Amino acid sequence: MNEPVDLTYTIDINKEFTGKITRTWLEFDRFDPAIYYPLYKYNGAKQATITRMAAESPGSSYYNEMADNLNDQPDSLLPPATIVQNGATQWALTPSTDKVKEKYSLTVSFPETGEWLITGYWELDNKKIIANQLKFTIGEKKGTMGWQKDYSPVGTHYIPADELFPLSVKMEIARIPGVNQIVDLKCTCVSLNSDVPAAIDLRIYHMEGTEAVQIPLNEVIVEGDIGWRGIYEANKPIVKTFQLKFPQTGDWYMLAFPAGGGICSNMYFNVGKDTGRYGWLESHEAKPNK
């Protein structure tokens, strides 16, 4: 993470396309830990979740109407300026009747750990065409090619408050820690209505084989008042921070519910000896009897 590395982007275009492809460029996505889709965290889980729900519920006018409004959401891509230290990310192509092979060099640095995707595009007849892709994982000290396997059942996610669920709580954690390391958990609670009681129902589980064992909060929370109570003002977030320390390695998950009803946010992760990661390393489904 944050280590400069040289990147070479090579294009090879056959004669039949050289006069039609006018430019090529690179785009950078980081897979947000809050969802399985390649959306940057400023957009969060809502776009991907609603898109999935609309696809799975074609008869639902509610989800389809929300999906129709996704173009109003902010851009999900990371701005190249936050990654590229030297060099360009888009190039115009001169029309030619011969085969074109070009090589472009740039220096990049990735500011966050996690799973990343670099996509090279061509503009062909005013259409955006994927030319190639590079998938890789960035760690604190080193990276690997490809993406990590995740065995968690539904993936970590958060859905903002809306008319259907006017209360929401969002969990954010700076990093997934190793065993017995202290880390801050920030919970942001929002209500679309005023004069509503505010509280968090936080539940923490450790996977033991196929069983999810609920862990008492006082065994994980080392600082912070999880029993706080308050009153919401409409659309005014209430932010609470807690310090956590996970006493065992393995696969964990947390659920956070807004008191009084609403949709929960969840977080699936693995705690290792020295560091952790989003997602589960093992499958905890019961094996069928032979």
C-alpha atoms as a PDB file:
ATOM      1  CA  MET A   1       0.000   0.000   0.000  1.00  0.00           C
ATOM      2  CA  ASN A   2       1.232   3.503  -0.935  1.00  0.00           C
ATOM      3  CA  GLU A   3       4.308   2.037  -2.615  1.00  0.00           C
ATOM      4  CA  PRO A   4       5.067   3.457  -6.099  1.00  0.00           C
ATOM      5  CA  VAL A   5       5.137   0.845  -8.864  1.00  0.00           C
ATOM      6  CA  ASP A   6       5.661   1.104 -12.613  1.00  0.00           C
ATOM      7  CA  LEU A   7       2.721   0.039 -14.770  1.00  0.00           C
ATOM      8  CA  THR A   8       2.938  -0.707 -18.507  1.00  0.00           C
ATOM      9  CA  TYR A   9      -0.200  -0.665 -20.657  1.00  0.00           C
ATOM     10  CA  THR A  10       0.162  -2.222 -24.105  1.00  0.00           C
ATOM     11  CA  ILE A  11      -2.428  -2.127 -26.868  1.00  0.00           C
ATOM     12  CA  ASP A  12      -2.355  -4.217 -30.025  1.00  0.00           C
ATOM     13  CA  ILE A  13      -4.998  -3.325 -32.639  1.00  0.00           C
ATOM     14  CA  ASN A  14      -5.602  -5.230 -35.879  1.00  0.00           C
ATOM     15  CA  LYS A  15      -5.968  -3.421 -39.209  1.00  0.00           C
ATOM     16  CA  GLU A  16      -9.741  -3.843 -39.318  1.00  0.00           C
ATOM     17  CA  PHE A  17     -10.130  -1.681 -36.192  1.00  0.00           C
ATOM     18  CA  THR A  18      -7.286   0.841 -36.431  1.00  0.00           C
ATOM     19  CA  GLY A  19      -9.380   3.457 -38.189  1.00  0.00           C
ATOM     20  CA  LYS A  20     -12.358   2.999 -35.869  1.00  0.00           C
ATOM     21  CA  ILE A  21     -10.735   3.082 -32.406  1.00  0.00           C
ATOM     22  CA  THR A  22     -10.179   6.747 -31.560  1.00  0.00           C
ATOM     23  CA  ARG A  23      -8.798   6.580 -28.033  1.00  0.00           C
ATOM     24  CA  THR A  24      -7.889   4.293 -25.159  1.00  0.00           C
ATOM     25  CA  TRP A  25      -7.840   4.873 -21.417  1.00  0.00           C
ATOM     26  CA  LEU A  26      -7.546   3.250 -17.985  1.00  0.00           C
ATOM     27  CA  GLU A  27     -10.051   3.233 -15.114  1.00  0.00           C
ATOM     28  CA  PHE A  28      -9.386   2.197 -11.523  1.00  0.00           C
ATOM     29  CA  ASP A  29     -11.899   0.432  -9.254  1.00  0.00           C
ATOM     30  CA  ARG A  30     -11.450  -0.744  -5.710  1.00  0.00           C
ATOM     31  CA  PHE A  31     -13.844  -3.442  -4.531  1.00  0.00           C
ATOM     32  CA  ASP A  32     -15.498  -1.847  -1.560  1.00  0.00           C
ATOM     33  CA  PRO A  33     -15.445  -4.215   1.423  1.00  0.00           C
ATOM     34  CA  ALA A  34     -19.062  -3.194   1.968  1.00  0.00           C
ATOM     35  CA  ILE A  35     -20.279  -5.015  -1.127  1.00  0.00           C
ATOM     36  CA  TYR A  36     -19.221  -7.552  -3.728  1.00  0.00           C
ATOM     37  CA  TYR A  37     -19.466  -5.091  -6.596  1.00  0.00           C
ATOM     38  CA  PRO A  38     -16.664  -2.808  -7.914  1.00  0.00           C
ATOM     39  CA  LEU A  39     -17.907   0.393  -6.370  1.00  0.00           C
ATOM     40  CA  TYR A  40     -15.732   2.884  -4.589  1.00  0.00           C
ATOM     41  CA  LYS A  41     -16.723   3.640  -1.020  1.00  0.00           C
ATOM     42  CA  TYR A  42     -18.144   7.106  -1.741  1.00  0.00           C
ATOM     43  CA  ASN A  43     -20.992   5.358  -3.527  1.00  0.00           C
ATOM     44  CA  GLY A  44     -21.213   2.566  -0.962  1.00  0.00           C
ATOM     45  CA  ALA A  45     -23.479  -0.413  -1.062  1.00  0.00           C
ATOM     46  CA  LYS A  46     -26.728   1.214  -2.146  1.00  0.00           C
ATOM     47  CA  GLN A  47     -26.198   1.194  -5.910  1.00  0.00           C
ATOM     48  CA  ALA A  48     -25.016  -2.416  -6.059  1.00  0.00           C
ATOM     49  CA  THR A  49     -27.618  -3.655  -3.615  1.00  0.00           C
ATOM     50  CA  ILE A  50     -30.530  -1.973  -5.366  1.00  0.00           C
ATOM     51  CA  THR A  51     -29.283  -3.162  -8.765  1.00  0.00           C
ATOM     52  CA  ARG A  52     -29.150  -6.722  -7.458  1.00  0.00           C
ATOM     53  CA  MET A  53     -32.568  -6.502  -5.798  1.00  0.00           C
ATOM     54  CA  ALA A  54     -34.124  -5.071  -8.961  1.00  0.00           C
ATOM     55  CA  ALA A  55     -32.666  -7.942 -10.967  1.00  0.00           C
ATOM     56  CA  GLU A  56     -33.874 -10.532  -8.467  1.00  0.00           C
ATOM     57  CA  SER A  57     -37.312  -8.934  -8.052  1.00  0.00           C
ATOM     58  CA  PRO A  58     -38.404  -7.909 -11.572  1.00  0.00           C
ATOM     59  CA  GLY A  59     -41.977  -7.389 -10.378  1.00  0.00           C
ATOM     60  CA  SER A  60     -40.993  -4.929  -7.643  1.00  0.00           C
ATOM     61  CA  SER A  61     -41.780  -1.395  -8.774  1.00  0.00           C
ATOM     62  CA  TYR A  62     -40.050  -0.078  -5.642  1.00  0.00           C
ATOM     63  CA  TYR A  63     -36.618  -1.531  -6.441  1.00  0.00           C
ATOM     64  CA  ASN A  64     -36.960  -0.962 -10.175  1.00  0.00           C
ATOM     65  CA  GLU A  65     -37.815   2.692  -9.635  1.00  0.00           C
ATOM     66  CA  MET A  66     -34.767   3.067  -7.411  1.00  0.00           C
ATOM     67  CA  ALA A  67     -32.597   1.285  -9.975  1.00  0.00           C
ATOM     68  CA  ASP A  68     -33.819   3.698 -12.661  1.00  0.00           C
ATOM     69  CA  ASN A  69     -32.430   6.572 -10.594  1.00  0.00           C
ATOM     70  CA  LEU A  70     -28.912   5.158 -10.266  1.00  0.00           C
ATOM     71  CA  ASN A  71     -27.522   7.528 -12.871  1.00  0.00           C
ATOM     72  CA  ASP A  72     -27.991  10.302 -10.326  1.00  0.00           C
ATOM     73  CA  GLN A  73     -25.509   8.606  -7.991  1.00  0.00           C
ATOM     74  CA  PRO A  74     -21.919   9.951  -7.808  1.00  0.00           C
ATOM     75  CA  ASP A  75     -19.226   8.300  -9.927  1.00  0.00           C
ATOM     76  CA  SER A  76     -18.055   5.045  -8.377  1.00  0.00           C
ATOM     77  CA  LEU A  77     -14.542   5.165  -9.851  1.00  0.00           C
ATOM     78  CA  LEU A  78     -11.445   6.367  -8.053  1.00  0.00           C
ATOM     79  CA  PRO A  79     -10.132   9.598  -9.581  1.00  0.00           C
ATOM     80  CA  PRO A  80      -6.875   8.738 -11.402  1.00  0.00           C
ATOM     81  CA  ALA A  81      -5.136  11.647  -9.651  1.00  0.00           C
ATOM     82  CA  THR A  82      -5.374   9.740  -6.348  1.00  0.00           C
ATOM     83  CA  ILE A  83      -3.469   6.796  -7.850  1.00  0.00           C
ATOM     84  CA  VAL A  84      -1.276   7.961 -10.731  1.00  0.00           C
ATOM     85  CA  GLN A  85       1.937   9.651  -9.627  1.00  0.00           C
ATOM     86  CA  ASN A  86       3.476  10.066 -13.060  1.00  0.00           C
ATOM     87  CA  GLY A  87       2.100   9.625 -16.566  1.00  0.00           C
ATOM     88  CA  ALA A  88      -1.253   9.841 -18.340  1.00  0.00           C
ATOM     89  CA  THR A  89      -4.285   7.544 -18.166  1.00  0.00           C
ATOM     90  CA  GLN A  90      -5.857   8.260 -21.553  1.00  0.00           C
ATOM     91  CA  TRP A  91      -4.409   8.526 -25.014  1.00  0.00           C
ATOM     92  CA  ALA A  92      -5.756   9.605 -28.418  1.00  0.00           C
ATOM     93  CA  LEU A  93      -5.069   7.228 -31.305  1.00  0.00           C
ATOM     94  CA  THR A  94      -4.065   8.498 -34.708  1.00  0.00           C
ATOM     95  CA  PRO A  95      -6.104   6.936 -37.547  1.00  0.00           C
ATOM     96  CA  SER A  96      -4.037   4.424 -39.462  1.00  0.00           C
ATOM     97  CA  THR A  97      -4.439   1.766 -42.114  1.00  0.00           C
ATOM     98  CA  ASP A  98      -1.772  -0.426 -40.518  1.00  0.00           C
ATOM     99  CA  LYS A  99      -1.743  -2.584 -37.393  1.00  0.00           C
ATOM    100  CA  VAL A 100      -1.161  -0.488 -34.280  1.00  0.00           C
ATOM    101  CA  LYS A 101       0.897  -1.549 -31.271  1.00  0.00           C
ATOM    102  CA  GLU A 102       1.546   1.025 -28.574  1.00  0.00           C
ATOM    103  CA  LYS A 103       3.082   0.825 -25.128  1.00  0.00           C
ATOM    104  CA  TYR A 104       2.336   3.374 -22.402  1.00  0.00           C
ATOM    105  CA  SER A 105       4.136   3.691 -19.067  1.00  0.00           C
ATOM    106  CA  LEU A 106       2.967   5.280 -15.825  1.00  0.00           C
ATOM    107  CA  THR A 107       3.764   5.144 -12.114  1.00  0.00           C
ATOM    108  CA  VAL A 108       0.936   4.298  -9.730  1.00  0.00           C
ATOM    109  CA  SER A 109       0.463   3.971  -5.982  1.00  0.00           C
ATOM    110  CA  PHE A 110      -2.586   2.431  -4.321  1.00  0.00           C
ATOM    111  CA  PRO A 111      -3.800   4.311  -1.215  1.00  0.00           C
ATOM    112  CA  GLU A 112      -5.930   1.560   0.330  1.00  0.00           C
ATOM    113  CA  THR A 113      -5.691  -2.151   0.942  1.00  0.00           C
ATOM    114  CA  GLY A 114      -8.207  -4.468  -0.644  1.00  0.00           C
ATOM    115  CA  GLU A 115      -9.148  -5.897  -4.011  1.00  0.00           C
ATOM    116  CA  TRP A 116      -8.537  -3.700  -7.056  1.00  0.00           C
ATOM    117  CA  LEU A 117      -9.375  -3.739 -10.736  1.00  0.00           C
ATOM    118  CA  ILE A 118      -7.666  -1.816 -13.541  1.00  0.00           C
ATOM    119  CA  THR A 119      -9.606  -1.813 -16.799  1.00  0.00           C
ATOM    120  CA  GLY A 120      -8.291  -0.689 -20.169  1.00  0.00           C
ATOM    121  CA  TYR A 121     -10.954   0.621 -22.550  1.00  0.00           C
ATOM    122  CA  TRP A 122     -11.198   1.449 -26.255  1.00  0.00           C
ATOM    123  CA  GLU A 123     -13.629   3.869 -27.817  1.00  0.00           C
ATOM    124  CA  LEU A 124     -14.968   2.067 -30.883  1.00  0.00           C
ATOM    125  CA  ASP A 125     -17.744   3.699 -32.942  1.00  0.00           C
ATOM    126  CA  ASN A 126     -18.600   5.857 -29.901  1.00  0.00           C
ATOM    127  CA  LYS A 127     -18.955   2.755 -27.716  1.00  0.00           C
ATOM    128  CA  LYS A 128     -16.979   1.896 -24.593  1.00  0.00           C
ATOM    129  CA  ILE A 129     -15.276  -1.472 -25.134  1.00  0.00           C
ATOM    130  CA  ILE A 130     -13.242  -3.386 -22.533  1.00  0.00           C
ATOM    131  CA  ALA A 131      -9.788  -4.102 -23.958  1.00  0.00           C
ATOM    132  CA  ASN A 132      -8.203  -5.841 -20.950  1.00  0.00           C
ATOM    133  CA  GLN A 133      -8.346  -6.049 -17.161  1.00  0.00           C
ATOM    134  CA  LEU A 134      -5.934  -6.597 -14.298  1.00  0.00           C
ATOM    135  CA  LYS A 135      -7.199  -7.958 -10.962  1.00  0.00           C
ATOM    136  CA  PHE A 136      -5.013  -7.840  -7.840  1.00  0.00           C
ATOM    137  CA  THR A 137      -5.045  -7.517  -4.054  1.00  0.00           C
ATOM    138  CA  ILE A 138      -3.164  -4.825  -2.111  1.00  0.00           C
ATOM    139  CA  GLY A 139      -2.017  -5.617   1.437  1.00  0.00           C
ATOM    140  CA  GLU A 140      -0.344  -3.507   4.111  1.00  0.00           C
ATOM    141  CA  LYS A 141       3.145  -4.635   3.091  1.00  0.00           C
ATOM    142  CA  LYS A 142       2.742  -6.624  -0.113  1.00  0.00           C
ATOM    143  CA  GLY A 143       0.235  -7.468  -2.816  1.00  0.00           C
ATOM    144  CA  THR A 144      -0.781 -10.487  -4.859  1.00  0.00           C
ATOM    145  CA  MET A 145      -2.262 -11.019  -8.278  1.00  0.00           C
ATOM    146  CA  GLY A 146      -5.919 -12.006  -8.356  1.00  0.00           C
ATOM    147  CA  TRP A 147      -8.677 -11.684  -5.750  1.00  0.00           C
ATOM    148  CA  GLN A 148      -9.082 -13.572  -2.513  1.00  0.00           C
ATOM    149  CA  LYS A 149     -11.731 -16.234  -2.084  1.00  0.00           C
ATOM    150  CA  ASP A 150     -14.548 -15.165   0.239  1.00  0.00           C
ATOM    151  CA  TYR A 151     -16.789 -17.822   1.818  1.00  0.00           C
ATOM    152  CA  SER A 152     -19.081 -15.420   3.704  1.00  0.00           C
ATOM    153  CA  PRO A 153     -22.763 -16.090   2.930  1.00  0.00           C
ATOM    154  CA  VAL A 154     -23.969 -12.703   1.715  1.00  0.00           C
ATOM    155  CA  GLY A 155     -21.045 -10.295   1.851  1.00  0.00           C
ATOM    156  CA  THR A 156     -20.622  -7.258   4.040  1.00  0.00           C
ATOM    157  CA  HIS A 157     -23.108  -4.523   3.213  1.00  0.00           C
ATOM    158  CA  TYR A 158     -24.922  -1.385   4.324  1.00  0.00           C
ATOM    159  CA  ILE A 159     -28.107   0.173   2.961  1.00  0.00           C
ATOM    160  CA  PRO A 160     -28.834   3.860   3.711  1.00  0.00           C
ATOM    161  CA  ALA A 161     -32.119   5.002   5.231  1.00  0.00           C
ATOM    162  CA  ASP A 162     -34.970   5.475   2.773  1.00  0.00           C
ATOM    163  CA  GLU A 163     -38.768   5.666   2.791  1.00  0.00           C
ATOM    164  CA  LEU A 164     -39.110   1.926   3.264  1.00  0.00           C
ATOM    165  CA  PHE A 165     -36.523   1.753   6.082  1.00  0.00           C
ATOM    166  CA  PRO A 166     -36.295   5.254   7.645  1.00  0.00           C
ATOM    167  CA  LEU A 167     -33.695   4.182  10.239  1.00  0.00           C
ATOM    168  CA  SER A 168     -30.198   3.004   9.418  1.00  0.00           C
ATOM    169  CA  VAL A 169     -26.861   2.382  11.087  1.00  0.00           C
ATOM    170  CA  LYS A 170     -23.600   2.131   9.173  1.00  0.00           C
ATOM    171  CA  MET A 171     -20.499   0.385  10.534  1.00  0.00           C
ATOM    172  CA  GLU A 172     -17.040   1.503   9.432  1.00  0.00           C
ATOM    173  CA  ILE A 173     -13.722   0.083  10.551  1.00  0.00           C
ATOM    174  CA  ALA A 174     -10.314   1.447   9.520  1.00  0.00           C
ATOM    175  CA  ARG A 175      -8.847  -2.032   9.086  1.00  0.00           C
ATOM    176  CA  ILE A 176      -9.516  -5.603  10.067  1.00  0.00           C
ATOM    177  CA  PRO A 177      -7.144  -6.287  12.966  1.00  0.00           C
ATOM    178  CA  GLY A 178      -5.144  -9.284  14.030  1.00  0.00           C
ATOM    179  CA  VAL A 179      -6.018 -11.136  17.228  1.00  0.00           C
ATOM    180  CA  ASN A 180      -5.986  -8.973  20.383  1.00  0.00           C
ATOM    181  CA  GLN A 181      -5.231  -5.816  18.397  1.00  0.00           C
ATOM    182  CA  ILE A 182      -7.364  -2.766  19.201  1.00  0.00           C
ATOM    183  CA  VAL A 183      -9.282  -1.102  16.382  1.00  0.00           C
ATOM    184  CA  ASP A 184     -11.900   1.653  16.182  1.00  0.00           C
ATOM    185  CA  LEU A 185     -15.425   0.888  14.995  1.00  0.00           C
ATOM    186  CA  LYS A 186     -17.475   3.909  13.924  1.00  0.00           C
ATOM    187  CA  CYS A 187     -21.270   3.599  13.845  1.00  0.00           C
ATOM    188  CA  THR A 188     -23.231   6.306  12.051  1.00  0.00           C
ATOM    189  CA  CYS A 189     -26.958   6.313  12.856  1.00  0.00           C
ATOM    190  CA  VAL A 190     -29.501   8.203  10.741  1.00  0.00           C
ATOM    191  CA  SER A 191     -33.256   8.705  10.877  1.00  0.00           C
ATOM    192  CA  LEU A 192     -35.388  10.397   8.249  1.00  0.00           C
ATOM    193  CA  ASN A 193     -37.771  11.474  11.023  1.00  0.00           C
ATOM    194  CA  SER A 194     -37.365  13.564  14.177  1.00  0.00           C
ATOM    195  CA  ASP A 195     -38.187  12.693  17.794  1.00  0.00           C
ATOM    196  CA  VAL A 196     -37.368   9.008  17.283  1.00  0.00           C
ATOM    197  CA  PRO A 197     -35.461   7.083  20.015  1.00  0.00           C
ATOM    198  CA  ALA A 198     -31.866   6.365  18.985  1.00  0.00           C
ATOM    199  CA  ALA A 199     -29.795   3.343  20.023  1.00  0.00           C
ATOM    200  CA  ILE A 200     -27.670   0.576  18.495  1.00  0.00           C
ATOM    201  CA  ASP A 201     -28.289  -3.138  18.819  1.00  0.00           C
ATOM    202  CA  LEU A 202     -24.827  -4.586  18.083  1.00  0.00           C
ATOM    203  CA  ARG A 203     -24.324  -8.350  17.841  1.00  0.00           C
ATOM    204  CA  ILE A 204     -20.945 -10.057  17.382  1.00  0.00           C
ATOM    205  CA  TYR A 205     -20.449 -13.680  16.341  1.00  0.00           C
ATOM    206  CA  HIS A 206     -17.468 -16.031  16.034  1.00  0.00           C
ATOM    207  CA  MET A 207     -17.760 -19.025  13.713  1.00  0.00           C
ATOM    208  CA  GLU A 208     -16.972 -22.392  15.280  1.00  0.00           C
ATOM    209  CA  GLY A 209     -17.414 -25.054  12.629  1.00  0.00           C
ATOM    210  CA  THR A 210     -20.937 -24.639  11.294  1.00  0.00           C
ATOM    211  CA  GLU A 211     -22.126 -22.771  14.403  1.00  0.00           C
ATOM    212  CA  ALA A 212     -22.244 -19.000  14.854  1.00  0.00           C
ATOM    213  CA  VAL A 213     -21.471 -18.384  18.531  1.00  0.00           C
ATOM    214  CA  GLN A 214     -22.639 -15.016  19.836  1.00  0.00           C
ATOM    215  CA  ILE A 215     -19.868 -13.381  21.862  1.00  0.00           C
ATOM    216  CA  PRO A 216     -20.773 -11.142  24.837  1.00  0.00           C
ATOM    217  CA  LEU A 217     -20.107  -7.529  23.912  1.00  0.00           C
ATOM    218  CA  ASN A 218     -17.966  -6.955  27.006  1.00  0.00           C
ATOM    219  CA  GLU A 219     -15.520  -9.554  25.699  1.00  0.00           C
ATOM    220  CA  VAL A 220     -14.916  -7.549  22.523  1.00  0.00           C
ATOM    221  CA  ILE A 221     -15.683  -3.894  23.296  1.00  0.00           C
ATOM    222  CA  VAL A 222     -12.830  -2.424  25.338  1.00  0.00           C
ATOM    223  CA  GLU A 223     -14.013   1.178  25.240  1.00  0.00           C
ATOM    224  CA  GLY A 224     -17.307   2.908  24.389  1.00  0.00           C
ATOM    225  CA  ASP A 225     -20.835   2.977  25.745  1.00  0.00           C
ATOM    226  CA  ILE A 226     -22.832   0.516  23.669  1.00  0.00           C
ATOM    227  CA  GLY A 227     -25.837   1.148  25.922  1.00  0.00           C
ATOM    228  CA  TRP A 228     -26.178   4.844  25.018  1.00  0.00           C
ATOM    229  CA  ARG A 229     -29.614   6.254  24.264  1.00  0.00           C
ATOM    230  CA  GLY A 230     -30.591   9.401  22.380  1.00  0.00           C
ATOM    231  CA  ILE A 231     -33.221  11.110  20.237  1.00  0.00           C
ATOM    232  CA  TYR A 232     -32.898  11.617  16.489  1.00  0.00           C
ATOM    233  CA  GLU A 233     -33.287  14.838  14.576  1.00  0.00           C
ATOM    234  CA  ALA A 234     -34.332  14.183  10.995  1.00  0.00           C
ATOM    235  CA  ASN A 235     -31.373  13.557   8.678  1.00  0.00           C
ATOM    236  CA  LYS A 236     -28.849  14.535  11.358  1.00  0.00           C
ATOM    237  CA  PRO A 237     -26.343  11.676  11.826  1.00  0.00           C
ATOM    238  CA  ILE A 238     -25.382  10.491  15.286  1.00  0.00           C
ATOM    239  CA  VAL A 239     -21.839   9.075  15.315  1.00  0.00           C
ATOM    240  CA  LYS A 240     -20.599   6.716  18.019  1.00  0.00           C
ATOM    241  CA  THR A 241     -17.108   5.192  18.178  1.00  0.00           C
ATOM    242  CA  PHE A 242     -16.109   2.022  20.014  1.00  0.00           C
ATOM    243  CA  GLN A 243     -12.783   0.305  20.490  1.00  0.00           C
ATOM    244  CA  LEU A 244     -12.830  -3.415  19.766  1.00  0.00           C
ATOM    245  CA  LYS A 245     -10.405  -6.258  20.426  1.00  0.00           C
ATOM    246  CA  PHE A 246     -11.118  -9.714  19.032  1.00  0.00           C
ATOM    247  CA  PRO A 247      -9.804 -12.430  21.374  1.00  0.00           C
ATOM    248  CA  GLN A 248      -9.711 -15.304  18.878  1.00  0.00           C
ATOM    249  CA  THR A 249      -8.523 -15.903  15.346  1.00  0.00           C
ATOM    250  CA  GLY A 250     -10.977 -17.148  12.753  1.00  0.00           C
ATOM    251  CA  ASP A 251     -14.045 -15.994  10.865  1.00  0.00           C
ATOM    252  CA  TRP A 252     -16.283 -13.391  12.522  1.00  0.00           C
ATOM    253  CA  TYR A 253     -19.306 -11.284  11.678  1.00  0.00           C
ATOM    254  CA  MET A 254     -21.064  -8.315  13.231  1.00  0.00           C
ATOM    255  CA  LEU A 255     -24.651  -7.083  12.854  1.00  0.00           C
ATOM    256  CA  ALA A 256     -25.789  -3.582  13.795  1.00  0.00           C
ATOM    257  CA  PHE A 257     -29.503  -2.796  14.037  1.00  0.00           C
ATOM    258  CA  PRO A 258     -31.023   0.640  14.665  1.00  0.00           C
ATOM    259  CA  ALA A 259     -33.262   0.460  17.719  1.00  0.00           C
ATOM    260  CA  GLY A 260     -36.935   0.785  16.895  1.00  0.00           C
ATOM    261  CA  GLY A 261     -36.750  -1.077  13.603  1.00  0.00           C
ATOM    262  CA  GLY A 262     -34.877  -0.640  10.380  1.00  0.00           C
ATOM    263  CA  ILE A 263     -32.502  -2.592   8.225  1.00  0.00           C
ATOM    264  CA  CYS A 264     -29.237  -3.851   9.679  1.00  0.00           C
ATOM    265  CA  SER A 265     -25.726  -3.432   8.363  1.00  0.00           C
ATOM    266  CA  ASN A 266     -23.311  -6.323   8.623  1.00  0.00           C
ATOM    267  CA  MET A 267     -19.607  -7.002   8.381  1.00  0.00           C
ATOM    268  CA  TYR A 268     -17.967 -10.356   7.610  1.00  0.00           C
ATOM    269  CA  PHE A 269     -14.241 -10.708   8.241  1.00  0.00           C
ATOM    270  CA  ASN A 270     -11.375 -12.958   9.301  1.00  0.00           C
ATOM    271  CA  VAL A 271      -9.074 -12.231  12.222  1.00  0.00           C
ATOM    272  CA  GLY A 272      -5.586 -13.678  11.794  1.00  0.00           C
ATOM    273  CA  LYS A 273      -2.538 -13.885  14.029  1.00  0.00           C
ATOM    274  CA  ASP A 274      -0.995 -10.627  12.826  1.00  0.00           C
ATOM    275  CA  THR A 275      -3.560  -9.060  10.510  1.00  0.00           C
ATOM    276  CA  GLY A 276      -7.096  -9.541   9.221  1.00  0.00           C
ATOM    277  CA  ARG A 277      -9.146  -9.238   6.043  1.00  0.00           C
ATOM    278  CA  TYR A 278     -12.721  -8.801   4.887  1.00  0.00           C
ATOM    279  CA  GLY A 279     -14.561 -12.003   4.038  1.00  0.00           C
ATOM    280  CA  TRP A 280     -14.272 -15.530   5.420  1.00  0.00           C
ATOM    281  CA  LEU A 281     -11.387 -17.901   4.797  1.00  0.00           C
ATOM    282  CA  GLU A 282     -13.473 -21.027   5.342  1.00  0.00           C
ATOM    283  CA  SER A 283     -16.876 -22.364   4.391  1.00  0.00           C
ATOM    284  CA  HIS A 284     -19.078 -22.931   7.432  1.00  0.00           C
ATOM    285  CA  GLU A 285     -21.873 -24.747   5.660  1.00  0.00           C
ATOM    286  CA  ALA A 286     -22.804 -28.124   7.042  1.00  0.00           C
ATOM    287  CA  LYS A 287     -21.473 -30.966   4.878  1.00  0.00           C
ATOM    288  CA  PRO A 288     -24.136 -33.369   3.606  1.00  0.00           C
ATOM    289  CA  ASN A 289     -24.104 -36.881   5.048  1.00  0.00           C
ATOM    290  CA  LYS A 290     -22.668 -39.475   2.730  1.00  0.00           C
END
